[in-house]
């Protein structure tokens, strides 16, 4: 299912917020790659779009990805997953 405009806008804000937090905490994308083995290109795309429109990222896979990202950055995983659910709701 393709995200609607509200979900896309919400996803971009979500991704931008996570990127800002990551940078403020001094955590590099390289560190996230080292821990998760998610390719750098996907990490970069995630921080721009939250991967909502990516064909291989269904809701379950995206939740797993976000949980891993949050863990590396040092964020409470459940809080970040709750924010992701809000993105899905638009």
PDB file of N, CA and C in Angstrom:
ATOM      1  N   UNK A   1       0.832  -1.182   0.000  1.00  0.00           N
ATOM      2  CA  UNK A   1       0.000   0.000   0.000  1.00  0.00           C
ATOM      3  C   UNK A   1       0.877   1.246   0.000  1.00  0.00           C
ATOM      4  N   UNK A   2       0.605   2.142  -0.909  1.00  0.00           N
ATOM      5  CA  UNK A   2       1.371   3.376  -1.029  1.00  0.00           C
ATOM      6  C   UNK A   2       0.907   4.383   0.026  1.00  0.00           C
ATOM      7  N   UNK A   3       1.847   5.116   0.621  1.00  0.00           N
ATOM      8  CA  UNK A   3       1.455   6.116   1.615  1.00  0.00           C
ATOM      9  C   UNK A   3       0.743   7.296   0.955  1.00  0.00           C
ATOM     10  N   UNK A   4      -0.220   7.865   1.677  1.00  0.00           N
ATOM     11  CA  UNK A   4      -0.877   9.061   1.168  1.00  0.00           C
ATOM     12  C   UNK A   4      -0.019  10.285   1.503  1.00  0.00           C
ATOM     13  N   UNK A   5      -0.465  11.454   1.087  1.00  0.00           N
ATOM     14  CA  UNK A   5       0.335  12.669   1.283  1.00  0.00           C
ATOM     15  C   UNK A   5       0.589  12.962   2.754  1.00  0.00           C
ATOM     16  N   UNK A   6      -0.415  12.762   3.592  1.00  0.00           N
ATOM     17  CA  UNK A   6      -0.250  13.015   5.025  1.00  0.00           C
ATOM     18  C   UNK A   6       0.793  12.077   5.624  1.00  0.00           C
ATOM     19  N   UNK A   7       0.758  10.810   5.234  1.00  0.00           N
ATOM     20  CA  UNK A   7       1.748   9.853   5.726  1.00  0.00           C
ATOM     21  C   UNK A   7       3.143  10.212   5.230  1.00  0.00           C
ATOM     22  N   UNK A   8       3.259  10.616   3.984  1.00  0.00           N
ATOM     23  CA  UNK A   8       4.563  10.996   3.448  1.00  0.00           C
ATOM     24  C   UNK A   8       5.128  12.194   4.197  1.00  0.00           C
ATOM     25  N   UNK A   9       4.300  13.207   4.441  1.00  0.00           N
ATOM     26  CA  UNK A   9       4.758  14.393   5.167  1.00  0.00           C
ATOM     27  C   UNK A   9       5.148  14.030   6.596  1.00  0.00           C
ATOM     28  N   UNK A  10       4.330  13.221   7.237  1.00  0.00           N
ATOM     29  CA  UNK A  10       4.615  12.780   8.596  1.00  0.00           C
ATOM     30  C   UNK A  10       5.892  11.941   8.642  1.00  0.00           C
ATOM     31  N   UNK A  11       6.067  11.081   7.644  1.00  0.00           N
ATOM     32  CA  UNK A  11       7.272  10.255   7.562  1.00  0.00           C
ATOM     33  C   UNK A  11       8.529  11.079   7.394  1.00  0.00           C
ATOM     34  N   UNK A  12       8.455  12.119   6.586  1.00  0.00           N
ATOM     35  CA  UNK A  12       9.621  12.985   6.386  1.00  0.00           C
ATOM     36  C   UNK A  12       9.981  13.714   7.675  1.00  0.00           C
ATOM     37  N   UNK A  13       8.979  14.178   8.427  1.00  0.00           N
ATOM     38  CA  UNK A  13       9.251  14.834   9.714  1.00  0.00           C
ATOM     39  C   UNK A  13       9.869  13.840  10.695  1.00  0.00           C
ATOM     40  N   UNK A  14       9.310  12.635  10.738  1.00  0.00           N
ATOM     41  CA  UNK A  14       9.817  11.576  11.613  1.00  0.00           C
ATOM     42  C   UNK A  14      11.284  11.287  11.299  1.00  0.00           C
ATOM     43  N   UNK A  15      11.583  11.106  10.019  1.00  0.00           N
ATOM     44  CA  UNK A  15      12.950  10.802   9.590  1.00  0.00           C
ATOM     45  C   UNK A  15      13.892  11.958   9.897  1.00  0.00           C
ATOM     46  N   UNK A  16      13.450  13.183   9.647  1.00  0.00           N
ATOM     47  CA  UNK A  16      14.288  14.357   9.916  1.00  0.00           C
ATOM     48  C   UNK A  16      14.567  14.486  11.412  1.00  0.00           C
ATOM     49  N   UNK A  17      13.566  14.207  12.240  1.00  0.00           N
ATOM     50  CA  UNK A  17      13.761  14.262  13.691  1.00  0.00           C
ATOM     51  C   UNK A  17      14.781  13.225  14.143  1.00  0.00           C
ATOM     52  N   UNK A  18      14.673  12.006  13.621  1.00  0.00           N
ATOM     53  CA  UNK A  18      15.640  10.968  13.992  1.00  0.00           C
ATOM     54  C   UNK A  18      17.047  11.337  13.542  1.00  0.00           C
ATOM     55  N   UNK A  19      17.172  11.893  12.352  1.00  0.00           N
ATOM     56  CA  UNK A  19      18.486  12.312  11.857  1.00  0.00           C
ATOM     57  C   UNK A  19      19.070  13.389  12.760  1.00  0.00           C
ATOM     58  N   UNK A  20      18.255  14.367  13.134  1.00  0.00           N
ATOM     59  CA  UNK A  20      18.727  15.448  13.997  1.00  0.00           C
ATOM     60  C   UNK A  20      19.195  14.910  15.348  1.00  0.00           C
ATOM     61  N   UNK A  21      18.427  14.006  15.923  1.00  0.00           N
ATOM     62  CA  UNK A  21      18.812  13.400  17.201  1.00  0.00           C
ATOM     63  C   UNK A  21      20.107  12.617  17.044  1.00  0.00           C
ATOM     64  N   UNK A  22      20.206  11.833  15.968  1.00  0.00           N
ATOM     65  CA  UNK A  22      21.425  11.044  15.726  1.00  0.00           C
ATOM     66  C   UNK A  22      22.640  11.957  15.660  1.00  0.00           C
ATOM     67  N   UNK A  23      22.524  13.048  14.906  1.00  0.00           N
ATOM     68  CA  UNK A  23      23.648  13.969  14.744  1.00  0.00           C
ATOM     69  C   UNK A  23      24.003  14.650  16.064  1.00  0.00           C
ATOM     70  N   UNK A  24      22.997  15.061  16.841  1.00  0.00           N
ATOM     71  CA  UNK A  24      23.253  15.705  18.134  1.00  0.00           C
ATOM     72  C   UNK A  24      23.949  14.763  19.106  1.00  0.00           C
ATOM     73  N   UNK A  25      23.687  13.481  18.969  1.00  0.00           N
ATOM     74  CA  UNK A  25      24.314  12.490  19.846  1.00  0.00           C
ATOM     75  C   UNK A  25      25.679  12.036  19.328  1.00  0.00           C
ATOM     76  N   UNK A  26      26.078  12.584  18.185  1.00  0.00           N
ATOM     77  CA  UNK A  26      27.386  12.247  17.629  1.00  0.00           C
ATOM     78  C   UNK A  26      27.473  10.846  17.064  1.00  0.00           C
ATOM     79  N   UNK A  27      26.358  10.301  16.665  1.00  0.00           N
ATOM     80  CA  UNK A  27      26.319   8.954  16.095  1.00  0.00           C
ATOM     81  C   UNK A  27      26.339   9.068  14.571  1.00  0.00           C
ATOM     82  N   UNK A  28      27.280   8.433  13.943  1.00  0.00           N
ATOM     83  CA  UNK A  28      27.403   8.507  12.484  1.00  0.00           C
ATOM     84  C   UNK A  28      26.546   7.442  11.802  1.00  0.00           C
ATOM     85  N   UNK A  29      26.253   7.693  10.535  1.00  0.00           N
ATOM     86  CA  UNK A  29      25.574   6.660   9.751  1.00  0.00           C
ATOM     87  C   UNK A  29      26.450   5.417   9.654  1.00  0.00           C
ATOM     88  N   UNK A  30      27.748   5.619   9.618  1.00  0.00           N
ATOM     89  CA  UNK A  30      28.683   4.487   9.576  1.00  0.00           C
ATOM     90  C   UNK A  30      28.501   3.593  10.808  1.00  0.00           C
ATOM     91  N   UNK A  31      28.298   4.214  11.976  1.00  0.00           N
ATOM     92  CA  UNK A  31      28.082   3.431  13.202  1.00  0.00           C
ATOM     93  C   UNK A  31      26.792   2.617  13.102  1.00  0.00           C
ATOM     94  N   UNK A  32      25.765   3.220  12.529  1.00  0.00           N
ATOM     95  CA  UNK A  32      24.504   2.492  12.358  1.00  0.00           C
ATOM     96  C   UNK A  32      24.700   1.352  11.367  1.00  0.00           C
ATOM     97  N   UNK A  33      25.418   1.618  10.293  1.00  0.00           N
ATOM     98  CA  UNK A  33      25.720   0.562   9.324  1.00  0.00           C
ATOM     99  C   UNK A  33      26.471  -0.585   9.998  1.00  0.00           C
ATOM    100  N   UNK A  34      27.494  -0.253  10.785  1.00  0.00           N
ATOM    101  CA  UNK A  34      28.305  -1.282  11.439  1.00  0.00           C
ATOM    102  C   UNK A  34      27.461  -2.180  12.347  1.00  0.00           C
ATOM    103  N   UNK A  35      26.488  -1.594  13.031  1.00  0.00           N
ATOM    104  CA  UNK A  35      25.650  -2.364  13.949  1.00  0.00           C
ATOM    105  C   UNK A  35      24.532  -3.125  13.244  1.00  0.00           C
ATOM    106  N   UNK A  36      23.966  -2.521  12.198  1.00  0.00           N
ATOM    107  CA  UNK A  36      22.767  -3.096  11.581  1.00  0.00           C
ATOM    108  C   UNK A  36      23.025  -3.789  10.252  1.00  0.00           C
ATOM    109  N   UNK A  37      24.111  -3.409   9.594  1.00  0.00           N
ATOM    110  CA  UNK A  37      24.444  -3.908   8.249  1.00  0.00           C
ATOM    111  C   UNK A  37      23.410  -3.496   7.199  1.00  0.00           C
ATOM    112  N   UNK A  38      22.626  -2.490   7.520  1.00  0.00           N
ATOM    113  CA  UNK A  38      21.725  -1.909   6.523  1.00  0.00           C
ATOM    114  C   UNK A  38      22.596  -1.071   5.593  1.00  0.00           C
ATOM    115  N   UNK A  39      22.497  -1.254   4.289  1.00  0.00           N
ATOM    116  CA  UNK A  39      23.341  -0.504   3.353  1.00  0.00           C
ATOM    117  C   UNK A  39      23.222   1.011   3.549  1.00  0.00           C
ATOM    118  N   UNK A  40      24.341   1.700   3.376  1.00  0.00           N
ATOM    119  CA  UNK A  40      24.397   3.147   3.570  1.00  0.00           C
ATOM    120  C   UNK A  40      23.345   3.877   2.740  1.00  0.00           C
ATOM    121  N   UNK A  41      23.137   3.448   1.509  1.00  0.00           N
ATOM    122  CA  UNK A  41      22.152   4.105   0.657  1.00  0.00           C
ATOM    123  C   UNK A  41      20.755   4.061   1.256  1.00  0.00           C
ATOM    124  N   UNK A  42      20.405   2.931   1.862  1.00  0.00           N
ATOM    125  CA  UNK A  42      19.093   2.819   2.507  1.00  0.00           C
ATOM    126  C   UNK A  42      19.023   3.665   3.772  1.00  0.00           C
ATOM    127  N   UNK A  43      20.123   3.730   4.517  1.00  0.00           N
ATOM    128  CA  UNK A  43      20.143   4.586   5.706  1.00  0.00           C
ATOM    129  C   UNK A  43      19.935   6.042   5.311  1.00  0.00           C
ATOM    130  N   UNK A  44      20.632   6.464   4.260  1.00  0.00           N
ATOM    131  CA  UNK A  44      20.489   7.842   3.790  1.00  0.00           C
ATOM    132  C   UNK A  44      19.068   8.105   3.299  1.00  0.00           C
ATOM    133  N   UNK A  45      18.511   7.162   2.565  1.00  0.00           N
ATOM    134  CA  UNK A  45      17.144   7.319   2.065  1.00  0.00           C
ATOM    135  C   UNK A  45      16.149   7.346   3.228  1.00  0.00           C
ATOM    136  N   UNK A  46      16.378   6.520   4.235  1.00  0.00           N
ATOM    137  CA  UNK A  46      15.505   6.508   5.405  1.00  0.00           C
ATOM    138  C   UNK A  46      15.463   7.879   6.061  1.00  0.00           C
ATOM    139  N   UNK A  47      16.616   8.515   6.198  1.00  0.00           N
ATOM    140  CA  UNK A  47      16.658   9.809   6.865  1.00  0.00           C
ATOM    141  C   UNK A  47      16.030  10.926   6.031  1.00  0.00           C
ATOM    142  N   UNK A  48      15.663  10.634   4.817  1.00  0.00           N
ATOM    143  CA  UNK A  48      14.976  11.619   3.978  1.00  0.00           C
ATOM    144  C   UNK A  48      13.483  11.328   3.869  1.00  0.00           C
ATOM    145  N   UNK A  49      13.117  10.063   3.769  1.00  0.00           N
ATOM    146  CA  UNK A  49      11.725   9.715   3.460  1.00  0.00           C
ATOM    147  C   UNK A  49      11.085   8.743   4.445  1.00  0.00           C
ATOM    148  N   UNK A  50      11.834   8.220   5.382  1.00  0.00           N
ATOM    149  CA  UNK A  50      11.375   7.168   6.304  1.00  0.00           C
ATOM    150  C   UNK A  50      11.055   5.872   5.563  1.00  0.00           C
ATOM    151  N   UNK A  51      11.420   5.800   4.277  1.00  0.00           N
ATOM    152  CA  UNK A  51      11.250   4.606   3.441  1.00  0.00           C
ATOM    153  C   UNK A  51       9.798   4.155   3.311  1.00  0.00           C
ATOM    154  N   UNK A  52       8.873   5.061   3.532  1.00  0.00           N
ATOM    155  CA  UNK A  52       7.462   4.677   3.453  1.00  0.00           C
ATOM    156  C   UNK A  52       7.055   4.238   2.063  1.00  0.00           C
ATOM    157  N   UNK A  53       7.703   4.790   1.048  1.00  0.00           N
ATOM    158  CA  UNK A  53       7.320   4.443  -0.320  1.00  0.00           C
ATOM    159  C   UNK A  53       8.268   3.439  -0.971  1.00  0.00           C
ATOM    160  N   UNK A  54       9.167   2.861  -0.167  1.00  0.00           N
ATOM    161  CA  UNK A  54      10.128   1.892  -0.691  1.00  0.00           C
ATOM    162  C   UNK A  54       9.438   0.541  -0.851  1.00  0.00           C
ATOM    163  N   UNK A  55       9.594  -0.067  -2.024  1.00  0.00           N
ATOM    164  CA  UNK A  55       8.855  -1.296  -2.338  1.00  0.00           C
ATOM    165  C   UNK A  55       9.176  -2.487  -1.441  1.00  0.00           C
ATOM    166  N   UNK A  56      10.387  -2.551  -0.862  1.00  0.00           N
ATOM    167  CA  UNK A  56      10.720  -3.728  -0.053  1.00  0.00           C
ATOM    168  C   UNK A  56      10.465  -3.529   1.442  1.00  0.00           C
ATOM    169  N   UNK A  57      10.032  -2.339   1.845  1.00  0.00           N
ATOM    170  CA  UNK A  57       9.824  -2.067   3.264  1.00  0.00           C
ATOM    171  C   UNK A  57       8.345  -2.098   3.615  1.00  0.00           C
ATOM    172  N   UNK A  58       7.852  -3.276   3.972  1.00  0.00           N
ATOM    173  CA  UNK A  58       6.489  -3.341   4.482  1.00  0.00           C
ATOM    174  C   UNK A  58       6.503  -2.878   5.938  1.00  0.00           C
ATOM    175  N   UNK A  59       5.356  -2.805   6.536  1.00  0.00           N
ATOM    176  CA  UNK A  59       5.232  -2.266   7.894  1.00  0.00           C
ATOM    177  C   UNK A  59       6.065  -3.047   8.914  1.00  0.00           C
ATOM    178  N   UNK A  60       6.062  -4.355   8.835  1.00  0.00           N
ATOM    179  CA  UNK A  60       6.811  -5.191   9.783  1.00  0.00           C
ATOM    180  C   UNK A  60       8.314  -4.960   9.629  1.00  0.00           C
ATOM    181  N   UNK A  61       8.796  -4.950   8.397  1.00  0.00           N
ATOM    182  CA  UNK A  61      10.222  -4.753   8.157  1.00  0.00           C
ATOM    183  C   UNK A  61      10.644  -3.354   8.580  1.00  0.00           C
ATOM    184  N   UNK A  62       9.810  -2.359   8.311  1.00  0.00           N
ATOM    185  CA  UNK A  62      10.143  -0.991   8.692  1.00  0.00           C
ATOM    186  C   UNK A  62      10.194  -0.853  10.212  1.00  0.00           C
ATOM    187  N   UNK A  63       9.290  -1.512  10.915  1.00  0.00           N
ATOM    188  CA  UNK A  63       9.332  -1.487  12.389  1.00  0.00           C
ATOM    189  C   UNK A  63      10.636  -2.098  12.904  1.00  0.00           C
ATOM    190  N   UNK A  64      11.056  -3.197  12.326  1.00  0.00           N
ATOM    191  CA  UNK A  64      12.306  -3.837  12.721  1.00  0.00           C
ATOM    192  C   UNK A  64      13.497  -2.918  12.450  1.00  0.00           C
ATOM    193  N   UNK A  65      13.485  -2.298  11.289  1.00  0.00           N
ATOM    194  CA  UNK A  65      14.554  -1.375  10.913  1.00  0.00           C
ATOM    195  C   UNK A  65      14.621  -0.206  11.897  1.00  0.00           C
ATOM    196  N   UNK A  66      13.473   0.399  12.194  1.00  0.00           N
ATOM    197  CA  UNK A  66      13.425   1.554  13.094  1.00  0.00           C
ATOM    198  C   UNK A  66      13.851   1.154  14.504  1.00  0.00           C
ATOM    199  N   UNK A  67      13.468  -0.031  14.944  1.00  0.00           N
ATOM    200  CA  UNK A  67      13.893  -0.513  16.268  1.00  0.00           C
ATOM    201  C   UNK A  67      15.424  -0.614  16.332  1.00  0.00           C
ATOM    202  N   UNK A  68      16.032  -1.157  15.301  1.00  0.00           N
ATOM    203  CA  UNK A  68      17.492  -1.281  15.263  1.00  0.00           C
ATOM    204  C   UNK A  68      18.159   0.088  15.236  1.00  0.00           C
ATOM    205  N   UNK A  69      17.651   0.982  14.407  1.00  0.00           N
ATOM    206  CA  UNK A  69      18.192   2.343  14.293  1.00  0.00           C
ATOM    207  C   UNK A  69      18.131   3.035  15.657  1.00  0.00           C
ATOM    208  N   UNK A  70      16.972   2.967  16.307  1.00  0.00           N
ATOM    209  CA  UNK A  70      16.798   3.607  17.610  1.00  0.00           C
ATOM    210  C   UNK A  70      17.769   3.033  18.635  1.00  0.00           C
ATOM    211  N   UNK A  71      17.950   1.725  18.617  1.00  0.00           N
ATOM    212  CA  UNK A  71      18.861   1.092  19.560  1.00  0.00           C
ATOM    213  C   UNK A  71      20.289   1.573  19.413  1.00  0.00           C
ATOM    214  N   UNK A  72      20.747   1.718  18.186  1.00  0.00           N
ATOM    215  CA  UNK A  72      22.118   2.183  17.950  1.00  0.00           C
ATOM    216  C   UNK A  72      22.268   3.636  18.389  1.00  0.00           C
ATOM    217  N   UNK A  73      21.265   4.449  18.124  1.00  0.00           N
ATOM    218  CA  UNK A  73      21.322   5.870  18.480  1.00  0.00           C
ATOM    219  C   UNK A  73      21.147   6.072  19.985  1.00  0.00           C
ATOM    220  N   UNK A  74      20.582   5.085  20.660  1.00  0.00           N
ATOM    221  CA  UNK A  74      20.387   5.180  22.104  1.00  0.00           C
ATOM    222  C   UNK A  74      19.049   5.778  22.488  1.00  0.00           C
ATOM    223  N   UNK A  75      18.062   5.589  21.632  1.00  0.00           N
ATOM    224  CA  UNK A  75      16.714   6.088  21.900  1.00  0.00           C
ATOM    225  C   UNK A  75      15.842   4.960  22.439  1.00  0.00           C
ATOM    226  N   UNK A  76      14.850   5.293  23.265  1.00  0.00           N
ATOM    227  CA  UNK A  76      13.926   4.261  23.742  1.00  0.00           C
ATOM    228  C   UNK A  76      13.152   3.679  22.559  1.00  0.00           C
ATOM    229  N   UNK A  77      13.377   2.412  22.292  1.00  0.00           N
ATOM    230  CA  UNK A  77      12.803   1.783  21.102  1.00  0.00           C
ATOM    231  C   UNK A  77      11.286   1.870  21.071  1.00  0.00           C
ATOM    232  N   UNK A  78      10.635   1.651  22.197  1.00  0.00           N
ATOM    233  CA  UNK A  78       9.169   1.668  22.224  1.00  0.00           C
ATOM    234  C   UNK A  78       8.624   3.055  21.904  1.00  0.00           C
ATOM    235  N   UNK A  79       9.308   4.104  22.368  1.00  0.00           N
ATOM    236  CA  UNK A  79       8.865   5.467  22.058  1.00  0.00           C
ATOM    237  C   UNK A  79       8.989   5.757  20.568  1.00  0.00           C
ATOM    238  N   UNK A  80      10.087   5.316  19.980  1.00  0.00           N
ATOM    239  CA  UNK A  80      10.301   5.548  18.550  1.00  0.00           C
ATOM    240  C   UNK A  80       9.296   4.735  17.735  1.00  0.00           C
ATOM    241  N   UNK A  81       9.019   3.520  18.155  1.00  0.00           N
ATOM    242  CA  UNK A  81       8.018   2.711  17.449  1.00  0.00           C
ATOM    243  C   UNK A  81       6.619   3.319  17.568  1.00  0.00           C
ATOM    244  N   UNK A  82       6.318   3.917  18.716  1.00  0.00           N
ATOM    245  CA  UNK A  82       5.023   4.589  18.871  1.00  0.00           C
ATOM    246  C   UNK A  82       4.934   5.777  17.915  1.00  0.00           C
ATOM    247  N   UNK A  83       6.036   6.505  17.764  1.00  0.00           N
ATOM    248  CA  UNK A  83       6.061   7.626  16.816  1.00  0.00           C
ATOM    249  C   UNK A  83       5.890   7.123  15.389  1.00  0.00           C
ATOM    250  N   UNK A  84       6.485   5.972  15.082  1.00  0.00           N
ATOM    251  CA  UNK A  84       6.325   5.391  13.747  1.00  0.00           C
ATOM    252  C   UNK A  84       4.865   5.019  13.498  1.00  0.00           C
ATOM    253  N   UNK A  85       4.197   4.492  14.501  1.00  0.00           N
ATOM    254  CA  UNK A  85       2.776   4.157  14.348  1.00  0.00           C
ATOM    255  C   UNK A  85       1.960   5.408  14.026  1.00  0.00           C
ATOM    256  N   UNK A  86       2.333   6.531  14.633  1.00  0.00           N
ATOM    257  CA  UNK A  86       1.649   7.788  14.322  1.00  0.00           C
ATOM    258  C   UNK A  86       1.874   8.179  12.868  1.00  0.00           C
ATOM    259  N   UNK A  87       3.069   7.885  12.352  1.00  0.00           N
ATOM    260  CA  UNK A  87       3.352   8.152  10.937  1.00  0.00           C
ATOM    261  C   UNK A  87       2.413   7.328  10.064  1.00  0.00           C
ATOM    262  N   UNK A  88       2.255   6.059  10.387  1.00  0.00           N
ATOM    263  CA  UNK A  88       1.371   5.199   9.600  1.00  0.00           C
ATOM    264  C   UNK A  88      -0.068   5.723   9.599  1.00  0.00           C
ATOM    265  N   UNK A  89      -0.436   6.360  10.708  1.00  0.00           N
ATOM    266  CA  UNK A  89      -1.791   6.908  10.814  1.00  0.00           C
ATOM    267  C   UNK A  89      -1.938   8.236  10.078  1.00  0.00           C
ATOM    268  N   UNK A  90      -0.792   8.852   9.705  1.00  0.00           N
ATOM    269  CA  UNK A  90      -0.826  10.096   8.946  1.00  0.00           C
ATOM    270  C   UNK A  90      -0.837  11.278   9.844  1.00  0.00           C
TER     271      UNK A  90
END
